[in-house]
Amino acid sequence: MEDADLQALTSKLELLVQRVEQLKAQNKILIAHEQAWRGERAHLIEKNELARHKVESMISRLKALEQDS
């Protein structure tokens, strides 16, 4: 292999290594965002369930008031 070919291959490998490192960093960021979104989603689901139970309770009380009238 000639010097020029070896240098070209070395340059390409260096670029490839840099790209792999960039992708690893991006992947870490994406994983962190996903974890945050999952946590937020779980919190919102919990709040939604609480609101649903409150609404169901109010409906039950209103039905009971209606029956008492």
C-alpha atoms as a PDB file:
ATOM      1  CA  MET A   1       0.000   0.000   0.000  1.00  0.00           C
ATOM      2  CA  GLU A   2       1.377   3.411  -0.926  1.00  0.00           C
ATOM      3  CA  ASP A   3       1.878   6.252   1.513  1.00  0.00           C
ATOM      4  CA  ALA A   4      -0.935   8.293  -0.050  1.00  0.00           C
ATOM      5  CA  ASP A   5      -3.369   5.374   0.216  1.00  0.00           C
ATOM      6  CA  LEU A   6      -2.354   4.761   3.824  1.00  0.00           C
ATOM      7  CA  GLN A   7      -2.826   8.423   4.696  1.00  0.00           C
ATOM      8  CA  ALA A   8      -6.215   8.524   2.980  1.00  0.00           C
ATOM      9  CA  LEU A   9      -7.304   5.414   4.873  1.00  0.00           C
ATOM     10  CA  THR A  10      -6.011   6.863   8.152  1.00  0.00           C
ATOM     11  CA  SER A  11      -7.936  10.092   7.543  1.00  0.00           C
ATOM     12  CA  LYS A  12     -11.110   8.182   6.791  1.00  0.00           C
ATOM     13  CA  LEU A  13     -10.687   6.092   9.932  1.00  0.00           C
ATOM     14  CA  GLU A  14     -10.160   9.212  12.037  1.00  0.00           C
ATOM     15  CA  LEU A  15     -13.339  10.731  10.604  1.00  0.00           C
ATOM     16  CA  LEU A  16     -15.187   7.507  11.304  1.00  0.00           C
ATOM     17  CA  VAL A  17     -13.973   7.453  14.904  1.00  0.00           C
ATOM     18  CA  GLN A  18     -15.056  11.084  15.330  1.00  0.00           C
ATOM     19  CA  ARG A  19     -18.476  10.291  13.911  1.00  0.00           C
ATOM     20  CA  VAL A  20     -18.862   7.316  16.246  1.00  0.00           C
ATOM     21  CA  GLU A  21     -18.026   9.550  19.212  1.00  0.00           C
ATOM     22  CA  GLN A  22     -20.556  12.143  18.043  1.00  0.00           C
ATOM     23  CA  LEU A  23     -23.222   9.467  17.709  1.00  0.00           C
ATOM     24  CA  LYS A  24     -22.424   8.114  21.179  1.00  0.00           C
ATOM     25  CA  ALA A  25     -22.822  11.604  22.642  1.00  0.00           C
ATOM     26  CA  GLN A  26     -26.092  12.157  20.780  1.00  0.00           C
ATOM     27  CA  ASN A  27     -27.339   8.775  21.940  1.00  0.00           C
ATOM     28  CA  LYS A  28     -26.623   9.658  25.580  1.00  0.00           C
ATOM     29  CA  ILE A  29     -28.578  12.889  25.177  1.00  0.00           C
ATOM     30  CA  LEU A  30     -31.490  11.080  23.530  1.00  0.00           C
ATOM     31  CA  ILE A  31     -31.548   8.458  26.286  1.00  0.00           C
ATOM     32  CA  ALA A  32     -31.610  11.193  28.938  1.00  0.00           C
ATOM     33  CA  HIS A  33     -34.476  12.954  27.132  1.00  0.00           C
ATOM     34  CA  GLU A  34     -36.375   9.692  26.825  1.00  0.00           C
ATOM     35  CA  GLN A  35     -36.015   9.035  30.547  1.00  0.00           C
ATOM     36  CA  ALA A  36     -37.257  12.550  31.322  1.00  0.00           C
ATOM     37  CA  TRP A  37     -40.235  12.137  28.987  1.00  0.00           C
ATOM     38  CA  ARG A  38     -41.082   8.773  30.501  1.00  0.00           C
ATOM     39  CA  GLY A  39     -41.006  10.311  33.969  1.00  0.00           C
ATOM     40  CA  GLU A  40     -43.182  13.197  32.861  1.00  0.00           C
ATOM     41  CA  ARG A  41     -45.585  10.789  31.164  1.00  0.00           C
ATOM     42  CA  ALA A  42     -45.878   8.694  34.318  1.00  0.00           C
ATOM     43  CA  HIS A  43     -46.567  11.831  36.345  1.00  0.00           C
ATOM     44  CA  LEU A  44     -49.238  12.990  33.890  1.00  0.00           C
ATOM     45  CA  ILE A  45     -50.881   9.563  33.888  1.00  0.00           C
ATOM     46  CA  GLU A  46     -50.974   9.677  37.686  1.00  0.00           C
ATOM     47  CA  LYS A  47     -52.528  13.170  37.645  1.00  0.00           C
ATOM     48  CA  ASN A  48     -55.064  12.043  35.047  1.00  0.00           C
ATOM     49  CA  GLU A  49     -56.071   9.058  37.168  1.00  0.00           C
ATOM     50  CA  LEU A  50     -56.491  11.285  40.226  1.00  0.00           C
ATOM     51  CA  ALA A  51     -58.649  13.698  38.237  1.00  0.00           C
ATOM     52  CA  ARG A  52     -60.719  10.826  36.852  1.00  0.00           C
ATOM     53  CA  HIS A  53     -61.361   9.481  40.365  1.00  0.00           C
ATOM     54  CA  LYS A  54     -62.379  12.951  41.572  1.00  0.00           C
ATOM     55  CA  VAL A  55     -64.798  13.383  38.662  1.00  0.00           C
ATOM     56  CA  GLU A  56     -66.269   9.917  39.235  1.00  0.00           C
ATOM     57  CA  SER A  57     -66.703  10.759  42.926  1.00  0.00           C
ATOM     58  CA  MET A  58     -68.462  14.039  42.081  1.00  0.00           C
ATOM     59  CA  ILE A  59     -70.764  12.243  39.640  1.00  0.00           C
ATOM     60  CA  SER A  60     -71.630   9.675  42.299  1.00  0.00           C
ATOM     61  CA  ARG A  61     -72.414  12.406  44.822  1.00  0.00           C
ATOM     62  CA  LEU A  62     -74.557  14.268  42.289  1.00  0.00           C
ATOM     63  CA  LYS A  63     -76.480  11.082  41.493  1.00  0.00           C
ATOM     64  CA  ALA A  64     -77.010  10.494  45.215  1.00  0.00           C
ATOM     65  CA  LEU A  65     -78.291  14.062  45.650  1.00  0.00           C
ATOM     66  CA  GLU A  66     -80.626  13.575  42.700  1.00  0.00           C
ATOM     67  CA  GLN A  67     -82.048  10.412  44.246  1.00  0.00           C
ATOM     68  CA  ASP A  68     -82.546  12.117  47.607  1.00  0.00           C
ATOM     69  CA  SER A  69     -84.568  14.941  46.033  1.00  0.00           C
END
